[in-house]
């Protein structure tokens, strides 16, 4: 087995079918698909079981980092590919993503682009396209990595919360190599989904001012005040990106929900230390 594709899934009934279907149609032949259900309470598991070729493992709700690590432990492939359940892929995704690794030009790679899969939804457009590369054309996360290197650096650190997929980069000091692979990513497209996702992101922020709780709280409220001019700025940017004046006015309520979600996530981190989605 050359490649193992690992998908953490928590309450992903909305997208998991599209994700798995696109992975099972890849033009690459020697690979397996592993889904780790992270304690879903919806129909995620029921949908996964429709695909007999998919390996399904379950765990209690521990977050995507722990789910990815579990998938890596049972994987048979020499190359590990980590994707999200709210993505879908063109047929040449695995071929393009892993080519530099197979050619021994790199030990870890990332796709160079993500397109909004639900671009017909105004809220999804306001969330914007994910930019997977930094200004130097390198990646902060590894979509594909050799199993040897993955375990050498101890896998993902679930304590990082939303940013746990950056932990390999932080521990190794190496950024991933960009490829010409791309995928489609489903953005949150309801205000509820925006709030939940943003709260998870906010709960992953680090706050540590001399270990004094009151300073952490003041820091969070200072960020909250800065969110409002940021909403206006991002509304202008969204309008310019989409070339439609209407998006300025659409973004205002979107931004209010998004940044209030982050604020509540920050408070949850400060008071409860919770970072799991």
C-alpha atoms as a PDB file:
ATOM      1  CA  UNK A   1       0.000   0.000   0.000  1.00  0.00           C
ATOM      2  CA  UNK A   2       1.515   3.314  -1.118  1.00  0.00           C
ATOM      3  CA  UNK A   3      -0.914   5.949   0.214  1.00  0.00           C
ATOM      4  CA  UNK A   4      -3.315   6.133   3.166  1.00  0.00           C
ATOM      5  CA  UNK A   5      -5.885   8.940   3.089  1.00  0.00           C
ATOM      6  CA  UNK A   6      -7.058   9.869   6.592  1.00  0.00           C
ATOM      7  CA  UNK A   7     -10.221  11.882   7.281  1.00  0.00           C
ATOM      8  CA  UNK A   8     -11.266  13.034  10.772  1.00  0.00           C
ATOM      9  CA  UNK A   9     -15.046  13.471  10.928  1.00  0.00           C
ATOM     10  CA  UNK A  10     -17.218  15.047  13.601  1.00  0.00           C
ATOM     11  CA  UNK A  11     -20.890  15.662  12.703  1.00  0.00           C
ATOM     12  CA  UNK A  12     -20.107  15.948   9.004  1.00  0.00           C
ATOM     13  CA  UNK A  13     -23.318  14.443   7.579  1.00  0.00           C
ATOM     14  CA  UNK A  14     -23.642  17.473   5.309  1.00  0.00           C
ATOM     15  CA  UNK A  15     -20.413  16.849   3.387  1.00  0.00           C
ATOM     16  CA  UNK A  16     -18.872  13.446   4.149  1.00  0.00           C
ATOM     17  CA  UNK A  17     -20.648  11.706   1.236  1.00  0.00           C
ATOM     18  CA  UNK A  18     -19.161  14.124  -1.322  1.00  0.00           C
ATOM     19  CA  UNK A  19     -15.726  13.870   0.265  1.00  0.00           C
ATOM     20  CA  UNK A  20     -15.548  10.072   0.223  1.00  0.00           C
ATOM     21  CA  UNK A  21     -17.104   9.740  -3.227  1.00  0.00           C
ATOM     22  CA  UNK A  22     -14.496  12.029  -4.767  1.00  0.00           C
ATOM     23  CA  UNK A  23     -11.661  10.173  -3.034  1.00  0.00           C
ATOM     24  CA  UNK A  24     -12.851   6.790  -4.264  1.00  0.00           C
ATOM     25  CA  UNK A  25     -12.743   8.086  -7.850  1.00  0.00           C
ATOM     26  CA  UNK A  26      -9.050   9.031  -7.857  1.00  0.00           C
ATOM     27  CA  UNK A  27      -6.884   8.087 -10.836  1.00  0.00           C
ATOM     28  CA  UNK A  28      -4.180   6.895  -8.420  1.00  0.00           C
ATOM     29  CA  UNK A  29      -4.661   3.171  -7.780  1.00  0.00           C
ATOM     30  CA  UNK A  30      -2.690   2.000  -4.744  1.00  0.00           C
ATOM     31  CA  UNK A  31      -4.347   3.713  -1.793  1.00  0.00           C
ATOM     32  CA  UNK A  32      -6.773   3.245   1.087  1.00  0.00           C
ATOM     33  CA  UNK A  33      -9.290   5.625   2.666  1.00  0.00           C
ATOM     34  CA  UNK A  34      -9.599   5.732   6.459  1.00  0.00           C
ATOM     35  CA  UNK A  35     -12.283   7.739   8.275  1.00  0.00           C
ATOM     36  CA  UNK A  36     -11.988   8.329  12.006  1.00  0.00           C
ATOM     37  CA  UNK A  37     -15.342   9.236  13.479  1.00  0.00           C
ATOM     38  CA  UNK A  38     -14.703  11.628  16.355  1.00  0.00           C
ATOM     39  CA  UNK A  39     -17.830  10.852  18.361  1.00  0.00           C
ATOM     40  CA  UNK A  40     -20.418  12.162  15.883  1.00  0.00           C
ATOM     41  CA  UNK A  41     -24.007  12.484  17.100  1.00  0.00           C
ATOM     42  CA  UNK A  42     -25.606  12.925  13.664  1.00  0.00           C
ATOM     43  CA  UNK A  43     -25.781  10.534  10.675  1.00  0.00           C
ATOM     44  CA  UNK A  44     -22.075  10.754   9.809  1.00  0.00           C
ATOM     45  CA  UNK A  45     -21.340   7.109  10.672  1.00  0.00           C
ATOM     46  CA  UNK A  46     -24.439   5.871   8.856  1.00  0.00           C
ATOM     47  CA  UNK A  47     -23.306   7.638   5.680  1.00  0.00           C
ATOM     48  CA  UNK A  48     -19.723   6.343   5.951  1.00  0.00           C
ATOM     49  CA  UNK A  49     -21.009   2.768   6.204  1.00  0.00           C
ATOM     50  CA  UNK A  50     -22.508   3.143   2.720  1.00  0.00           C
ATOM     51  CA  UNK A  51     -18.952   2.851   1.387  1.00  0.00           C
ATOM     52  CA  UNK A  52     -17.690  -0.720   1.996  1.00  0.00           C
ATOM     53  CA  UNK A  53     -14.200   0.133   0.713  1.00  0.00           C
ATOM     54  CA  UNK A  54     -13.699   2.739   3.432  1.00  0.00           C
ATOM     55  CA  UNK A  55     -12.050   1.766   6.717  1.00  0.00           C
ATOM     56  CA  UNK A  56     -14.055   3.206   9.622  1.00  0.00           C
ATOM     57  CA  UNK A  57     -12.754   3.609  13.157  1.00  0.00           C
ATOM     58  CA  UNK A  58     -14.448   5.389  16.029  1.00  0.00           C
ATOM     59  CA  UNK A  59     -13.249   7.317  19.038  1.00  0.00           C
ATOM     60  CA  UNK A  60     -14.815   9.482  21.711  1.00  0.00           C
ATOM     61  CA  UNK A  61     -14.867  13.188  20.896  1.00  0.00           C
ATOM     62  CA  UNK A  62     -11.216  14.233  21.257  1.00  0.00           C
ATOM     63  CA  UNK A  63     -10.758  16.586  18.321  1.00  0.00           C
ATOM     64  CA  UNK A  64      -9.315  16.217  14.812  1.00  0.00           C
ATOM     65  CA  UNK A  65      -5.681  15.997  15.935  1.00  0.00           C
ATOM     66  CA  UNK A  66      -6.289  12.843  17.952  1.00  0.00           C
ATOM     67  CA  UNK A  67      -8.421  11.433  15.130  1.00  0.00           C
ATOM     68  CA  UNK A  68      -5.631  11.983  12.602  1.00  0.00           C
ATOM     69  CA  UNK A  69      -3.085  10.389  14.925  1.00  0.00           C
ATOM     70  CA  UNK A  70      -5.301   7.321  15.347  1.00  0.00           C
ATOM     71  CA  UNK A  71      -5.685   7.056  11.590  1.00  0.00           C
ATOM     72  CA  UNK A  72      -1.912   7.222  11.141  1.00  0.00           C
ATOM     73  CA  UNK A  73      -1.414   4.361  13.593  1.00  0.00           C
ATOM     74  CA  UNK A  74      -3.609   1.964  11.628  1.00  0.00           C
ATOM     75  CA  UNK A  75      -2.576   3.191   8.174  1.00  0.00           C
ATOM     76  CA  UNK A  76      -0.812   0.733   5.862  1.00  0.00           C
ATOM     77  CA  UNK A  77       0.501   3.337   3.432  1.00  0.00           C
ATOM     78  CA  UNK A  78       4.032   4.699   3.294  1.00  0.00           C
ATOM     79  CA  UNK A  79       2.591   8.148   2.575  1.00  0.00           C
ATOM     80  CA  UNK A  80      -0.094   9.676   4.795  1.00  0.00           C
ATOM     81  CA  UNK A  81      -2.575  12.123   3.269  1.00  0.00           C
ATOM     82  CA  UNK A  82      -4.671  14.201   5.676  1.00  0.00           C
ATOM     83  CA  UNK A  83      -7.817  15.864   4.350  1.00  0.00           C
ATOM     84  CA  UNK A  84     -10.953  17.314   5.910  1.00  0.00           C
ATOM     85  CA  UNK A  85     -14.472  15.939   5.624  1.00  0.00           C
ATOM     86  CA  UNK A  86     -15.778  19.219   4.178  1.00  0.00           C
ATOM     87  CA  UNK A  87     -13.551  18.926   1.088  1.00  0.00           C
ATOM     88  CA  UNK A  88     -14.017  17.239  -2.273  1.00  0.00           C
ATOM     89  CA  UNK A  89     -11.352  16.486  -4.843  1.00  0.00           C
ATOM     90  CA  UNK A  90     -10.661  16.277  -8.576  1.00  0.00           C
ATOM     91  CA  UNK A  91      -9.599  12.844  -9.843  1.00  0.00           C
ATOM     92  CA  UNK A  92      -5.901  13.718 -10.055  1.00  0.00           C
ATOM     93  CA  UNK A  93      -5.645  15.103  -6.517  1.00  0.00           C
ATOM     94  CA  UNK A  94      -3.642  12.263  -4.949  1.00  0.00           C
ATOM     95  CA  UNK A  95      -1.368  11.943  -7.980  1.00  0.00           C
ATOM     96  CA  UNK A  96      -0.470  15.618  -7.968  1.00  0.00           C
ATOM     97  CA  UNK A  97      -0.245  15.979  -4.183  1.00  0.00           C
ATOM     98  CA  UNK A  98       2.140  13.061  -3.641  1.00  0.00           C
ATOM     99  CA  UNK A  99       4.293  13.348  -6.784  1.00  0.00           C
ATOM    100  CA  UNK A 100       7.194  15.256  -5.104  1.00  0.00           C
ATOM    101  CA  UNK A 101       7.266  12.672  -2.304  1.00  0.00           C
ATOM    102  CA  UNK A 102       7.233   9.702  -4.675  1.00  0.00           C
ATOM    103  CA  UNK A 103       9.980  11.385  -6.736  1.00  0.00           C
ATOM    104  CA  UNK A 104      11.941  11.883  -3.482  1.00  0.00           C
ATOM    105  CA  UNK A 105      12.008  15.648  -3.963  1.00  0.00           C
ATOM    106  CA  UNK A 106      10.247  16.319  -0.631  1.00  0.00           C
ATOM    107  CA  UNK A 107       8.941  14.448   2.401  1.00  0.00           C
ATOM    108  CA  UNK A 108       5.867  16.611   2.900  1.00  0.00           C
ATOM    109  CA  UNK A 109       3.564  18.543   0.559  1.00  0.00           C
ATOM    110  CA  UNK A 110       0.464  20.695   0.383  1.00  0.00           C
ATOM    111  CA  UNK A 111      -2.013  21.606  -2.336  1.00  0.00           C
ATOM    112  CA  UNK A 112      -1.563  25.095  -3.729  1.00  0.00           C
ATOM    113  CA  UNK A 113      -5.189  26.124  -3.964  1.00  0.00           C
ATOM    114  CA  UNK A 114      -8.666  25.694  -2.495  1.00  0.00           C
ATOM    115  CA  UNK A 115     -11.829  26.716  -4.328  1.00  0.00           C
ATOM    116  CA  UNK A 116     -15.085  27.493  -2.528  1.00  0.00           C
ATOM    117  CA  UNK A 117     -17.281  24.455  -3.176  1.00  0.00           C
ATOM    118  CA  UNK A 118     -20.496  26.203  -2.130  1.00  0.00           C
ATOM    119  CA  UNK A 119     -19.810  29.518  -3.847  1.00  0.00           C
ATOM    120  CA  UNK A 120     -23.528  29.908  -4.597  1.00  0.00           C
ATOM    121  CA  UNK A 121     -24.093  30.742  -0.914  1.00  0.00           C
ATOM    122  CA  UNK A 122     -23.501  34.361   0.129  1.00  0.00           C
ATOM    123  CA  UNK A 123     -22.247  33.468   3.592  1.00  0.00           C
ATOM    124  CA  UNK A 124     -19.770  30.922   2.213  1.00  0.00           C
ATOM    125  CA  UNK A 125     -18.404  33.593  -0.119  1.00  0.00           C
ATOM    126  CA  UNK A 126     -18.031  36.040   2.765  1.00  0.00           C
ATOM    127  CA  UNK A 127     -15.928  33.435   4.607  1.00  0.00           C
ATOM    128  CA  UNK A 128     -13.617  33.622   1.613  1.00  0.00           C
ATOM    129  CA  UNK A 129     -11.213  31.218  -0.093  1.00  0.00           C
ATOM    130  CA  UNK A 130      -8.665  29.414   2.049  1.00  0.00           C
ATOM    131  CA  UNK A 131      -5.103  30.444   1.164  1.00  0.00           C
ATOM    132  CA  UNK A 132      -2.939  27.392   1.971  1.00  0.00           C
ATOM    133  CA  UNK A 133       0.444  28.972   1.134  1.00  0.00           C
ATOM    134  CA  UNK A 134       2.453  31.715   2.825  1.00  0.00           C
ATOM    135  CA  UNK A 135       4.080  34.638   1.029  1.00  0.00           C
ATOM    136  CA  UNK A 136       7.072  32.444   0.169  1.00  0.00           C
ATOM    137  CA  UNK A 137       4.900  29.821  -1.515  1.00  0.00           C
ATOM    138  CA  UNK A 138       5.302  27.280   1.294  1.00  0.00           C
ATOM    139  CA  UNK A 139       2.670  25.589   3.446  1.00  0.00           C
ATOM    140  CA  UNK A 140       2.159  25.741   7.210  1.00  0.00           C
ATOM    141  CA  UNK A 141       0.415  22.376   7.197  1.00  0.00           C
ATOM    142  CA  UNK A 142       1.206  19.017   5.604  1.00  0.00           C
ATOM    143  CA  UNK A 143      -1.533  17.499   3.476  1.00  0.00           C
ATOM    144  CA  UNK A 144       0.812  14.636   2.543  1.00  0.00           C
ATOM    145  CA  UNK A 145       3.791  13.382   4.531  1.00  0.00           C
ATOM    146  CA  UNK A 146       5.824  10.200   4.714  1.00  0.00           C
ATOM    147  CA  UNK A 147       4.765   7.985   7.583  1.00  0.00           C
ATOM    148  CA  UNK A 148       8.384   7.858   8.740  1.00  0.00           C
ATOM    149  CA  UNK A 149       8.605  11.651   9.125  1.00  0.00           C
ATOM    150  CA  UNK A 150       5.143  11.876  10.679  1.00  0.00           C
ATOM    151  CA  UNK A 151       6.096   9.600  13.551  1.00  0.00           C
ATOM    152  CA  UNK A 152       9.591  11.072  13.788  1.00  0.00           C
ATOM    153  CA  UNK A 153       8.007  14.386  14.789  1.00  0.00           C
ATOM    154  CA  UNK A 154       5.403  12.813  17.056  1.00  0.00           C
ATOM    155  CA  UNK A 155       2.282  13.371  14.986  1.00  0.00           C
ATOM    156  CA  UNK A 156      -0.223  16.151  15.619  1.00  0.00           C
ATOM    157  CA  UNK A 157      -0.482  18.044  18.891  1.00  0.00           C
ATOM    158  CA  UNK A 158      -4.179  18.096  19.771  1.00  0.00           C
ATOM    159  CA  UNK A 159      -3.543  20.844  22.353  1.00  0.00           C
ATOM    160  CA  UNK A 160      -3.243  23.296  19.464  1.00  0.00           C
ATOM    161  CA  UNK A 161      -6.993  22.991  18.815  1.00  0.00           C
ATOM    162  CA  UNK A 162      -8.004  24.498  15.472  1.00  0.00           C
ATOM    163  CA  UNK A 163      -4.343  24.862  14.447  1.00  0.00           C
ATOM    164  CA  UNK A 164      -3.269  21.332  15.403  1.00  0.00           C
ATOM    165  CA  UNK A 165      -2.504  20.596  11.746  1.00  0.00           C
ATOM    166  CA  UNK A 166       0.342  23.130  11.975  1.00  0.00           C
ATOM    167  CA  UNK A 167       2.097  21.219  14.750  1.00  0.00           C
ATOM    168  CA  UNK A 168       4.303  19.151  12.404  1.00  0.00           C
ATOM    169  CA  UNK A 169       5.648  22.367  10.901  1.00  0.00           C
ATOM    170  CA  UNK A 170       6.270  23.856  14.339  1.00  0.00           C
ATOM    171  CA  UNK A 171       8.068  20.774  15.659  1.00  0.00           C
ATOM    172  CA  UNK A 172      10.141  20.142  12.546  1.00  0.00           C
ATOM    173  CA  UNK A 173      10.876  23.746  11.634  1.00  0.00           C
ATOM    174  CA  UNK A 174      10.150  22.791   8.015  1.00  0.00           C
ATOM    175  CA  UNK A 175       7.323  24.058   5.818  1.00  0.00           C
ATOM    176  CA  UNK A 176       5.574  21.838   3.302  1.00  0.00           C
ATOM    177  CA  UNK A 177       6.336  21.892  -0.423  1.00  0.00           C
ATOM    178  CA  UNK A 178       3.609  23.298  -2.673  1.00  0.00           C
ATOM    179  CA  UNK A 179       2.213  21.172  -5.505  1.00  0.00           C
ATOM    180  CA  UNK A 180      -0.184  21.901  -8.365  1.00  0.00           C
ATOM    181  CA  UNK A 181      -2.930  19.910  -6.633  1.00  0.00           C
ATOM    182  CA  UNK A 182      -6.091  21.727  -5.585  1.00  0.00           C
ATOM    183  CA  UNK A 183      -9.379  20.882  -3.903  1.00  0.00           C
ATOM    184  CA  UNK A 184     -12.862  22.262  -3.288  1.00  0.00           C
ATOM    185  CA  UNK A 185     -13.657  23.346   0.271  1.00  0.00           C
ATOM    186  CA  UNK A 186     -17.161  23.793   1.680  1.00  0.00           C
ATOM    187  CA  UNK A 187     -17.212  26.935   3.807  1.00  0.00           C
ATOM    188  CA  UNK A 188     -19.694  27.501   6.635  1.00  0.00           C
ATOM    189  CA  UNK A 189     -22.823  28.751   4.871  1.00  0.00           C
ATOM    190  CA  UNK A 190     -25.248  29.496   7.711  1.00  0.00           C
ATOM    191  CA  UNK A 191     -24.847  31.945  10.564  1.00  0.00           C
ATOM    192  CA  UNK A 192     -25.000  29.041  13.006  1.00  0.00           C
ATOM    193  CA  UNK A 193     -22.142  27.241  11.245  1.00  0.00           C
ATOM    194  CA  UNK A 194     -20.116  30.461  11.091  1.00  0.00           C
ATOM    195  CA  UNK A 195     -20.551  31.008  14.831  1.00  0.00           C
ATOM    196  CA  UNK A 196     -19.631  27.414  15.752  1.00  0.00           C
ATOM    197  CA  UNK A 197     -16.552  27.358  13.510  1.00  0.00           C
ATOM    198  CA  UNK A 198     -15.421  30.773  14.720  1.00  0.00           C
ATOM    199  CA  UNK A 199     -15.868  29.792  18.364  1.00  0.00           C
ATOM    200  CA  UNK A 200     -13.613  26.784  17.752  1.00  0.00           C
ATOM    201  CA  UNK A 201     -11.001  29.031  16.132  1.00  0.00           C
ATOM    202  CA  UNK A 202     -11.189  31.523  18.994  1.00  0.00           C
ATOM    203  CA  UNK A 203     -10.782  28.773  21.590  1.00  0.00           C
ATOM    204  CA  UNK A 204      -7.470  27.864  19.945  1.00  0.00           C
ATOM    205  CA  UNK A 205      -5.914  31.304  20.495  1.00  0.00           C
ATOM    206  CA  UNK A 206      -3.168  31.417  23.089  1.00  0.00           C
ATOM    207  CA  UNK A 207      -3.530  33.801  26.033  1.00  0.00           C
ATOM    208  CA  UNK A 208      -0.759  33.890  28.607  1.00  0.00           C
ATOM    209  CA  UNK A 209       0.095  37.214  30.215  1.00  0.00           C
ATOM    210  CA  UNK A 210       2.267  36.230  33.172  1.00  0.00           C
ATOM    211  CA  UNK A 211      -0.368  33.614  34.018  1.00  0.00           C
ATOM    212  CA  UNK A 212      -2.604  36.362  35.421  1.00  0.00           C
ATOM    213  CA  UNK A 213      -6.233  35.614  34.549  1.00  0.00           C
ATOM    214  CA  UNK A 214      -7.453  39.227  34.704  1.00  0.00           C
ATOM    215  CA  UNK A 215      -4.899  40.250  32.059  1.00  0.00           C
ATOM    216  CA  UNK A 216      -6.066  37.434  29.810  1.00  0.00           C
ATOM    217  CA  UNK A 217      -9.641  38.672  30.150  1.00  0.00           C
ATOM    218  CA  UNK A 218      -8.614  42.273  29.429  1.00  0.00           C
ATOM    219  CA  UNK A 219      -6.654  41.059  26.411  1.00  0.00           C
ATOM    220  CA  UNK A 220      -9.720  39.264  25.081  1.00  0.00           C
ATOM    221  CA  UNK A 221     -11.902  42.378  25.482  1.00  0.00           C
ATOM    222  CA  UNK A 222      -9.257  44.507  23.762  1.00  0.00           C
ATOM    223  CA  UNK A 223      -9.389  42.102  20.820  1.00  0.00           C
ATOM    224  CA  UNK A 224     -13.169  42.397  20.856  1.00  0.00           C
ATOM    225  CA  UNK A 225     -12.953  46.176  20.433  1.00  0.00           C
ATOM    226  CA  UNK A 226     -10.568  45.733  17.517  1.00  0.00           C
ATOM    227  CA  UNK A 227     -12.967  43.321  15.821  1.00  0.00           C
ATOM    228  CA  UNK A 228     -15.370  46.111  14.814  1.00  0.00           C
ATOM    229  CA  UNK A 229     -13.001  48.146  12.623  1.00  0.00           C
ATOM    230  CA  UNK A 230     -11.775  44.808  11.279  1.00  0.00           C
ATOM    231  CA  UNK A 231     -15.328  43.935  10.206  1.00  0.00           C
ATOM    232  CA  UNK A 232     -15.556  47.183   8.211  1.00  0.00           C
ATOM    233  CA  UNK A 233     -12.142  46.626   6.626  1.00  0.00           C
ATOM    234  CA  UNK A 234     -12.982  43.044   5.683  1.00  0.00           C
ATOM    235  CA  UNK A 235     -16.342  44.156   4.291  1.00  0.00           C
ATOM    236  CA  UNK A 236     -14.505  46.490   1.894  1.00  0.00           C
ATOM    237  CA  UNK A 237     -12.063  43.704   0.980  1.00  0.00           C
ATOM    238  CA  UNK A 238     -14.922  41.267   0.319  1.00  0.00           C
ATOM    239  CA  UNK A 239     -16.678  43.848  -1.863  1.00  0.00           C
ATOM    240  CA  UNK A 240     -13.491  44.436  -3.875  1.00  0.00           C
ATOM    241  CA  UNK A 241     -12.729  40.709  -4.179  1.00  0.00           C
ATOM    242  CA  UNK A 242     -16.220  39.858  -5.406  1.00  0.00           C
ATOM    243  CA  UNK A 243     -16.588  43.112  -7.402  1.00  0.00           C
ATOM    244  CA  UNK A 244     -20.084  43.649  -6.028  1.00  0.00           C
ATOM    245  CA  UNK A 245     -21.147  46.502  -3.714  1.00  0.00           C
ATOM    246  CA  UNK A 246     -23.803  44.263  -2.161  1.00  0.00           C
ATOM    247  CA  UNK A 247     -21.128  42.155  -0.483  1.00  0.00           C
ATOM    248  CA  UNK A 248     -20.129  45.087   1.712  1.00  0.00           C
ATOM    249  CA  UNK A 249     -23.581  45.040   3.300  1.00  0.00           C
ATOM    250  CA  UNK A 250     -23.792  41.244   3.354  1.00  0.00           C
ATOM    251  CA  UNK A 251     -20.454  41.005   5.139  1.00  0.00           C
ATOM    252  CA  UNK A 252     -21.454  43.306   8.048  1.00  0.00           C
ATOM    253  CA  UNK A 253     -23.853  40.827   9.773  1.00  0.00           C
ATOM    254  CA  UNK A 254     -21.598  37.944   8.712  1.00  0.00           C
ATOM    255  CA  UNK A 255     -18.595  39.630  10.348  1.00  0.00           C
ATOM    256  CA  UNK A 256     -20.584  40.364  13.498  1.00  0.00           C
ATOM    257  CA  UNK A 257     -21.443  36.662  13.895  1.00  0.00           C
ATOM    258  CA  UNK A 258     -17.933  35.530  12.945  1.00  0.00           C
ATOM    259  CA  UNK A 259     -16.030  37.757  15.364  1.00  0.00           C
ATOM    260  CA  UNK A 260     -18.477  37.332  18.217  1.00  0.00           C
ATOM    261  CA  UNK A 261     -17.968  33.601  17.784  1.00  0.00           C
ATOM    262  CA  UNK A 262     -14.232  34.092  18.079  1.00  0.00           C
ATOM    263  CA  UNK A 263     -14.697  36.225  21.189  1.00  0.00           C
ATOM    264  CA  UNK A 264     -16.824  33.583  22.917  1.00  0.00           C
ATOM    265  CA  UNK A 265     -14.235  30.972  21.917  1.00  0.00           C
ATOM    266  CA  UNK A 266     -11.483  33.082  23.463  1.00  0.00           C
ATOM    267  CA  UNK A 267     -13.425  33.369  26.708  1.00  0.00           C
ATOM    268  CA  UNK A 268     -14.016  29.611  26.723  1.00  0.00           C
ATOM    269  CA  UNK A 269     -10.269  29.073  26.368  1.00  0.00           C
ATOM    270  CA  UNK A 270      -9.517  31.501  29.207  1.00  0.00           C
ATOM    271  CA  UNK A 271     -12.096  30.193  31.679  1.00  0.00           C
ATOM    272  CA  UNK A 272     -12.284  26.499  30.788  1.00  0.00           C
ATOM    273  CA  UNK A 273      -9.193  25.728  28.719  1.00  0.00           C
ATOM    274  CA  UNK A 274     -11.340  23.974  26.105  1.00  0.00           C
ATOM    275  CA  UNK A 275     -10.006  23.791  22.555  1.00  0.00           C
ATOM    276  CA  UNK A 276     -11.789  20.761  21.048  1.00  0.00           C
ATOM    277  CA  UNK A 277     -14.317  21.441  18.308  1.00  0.00           C
END
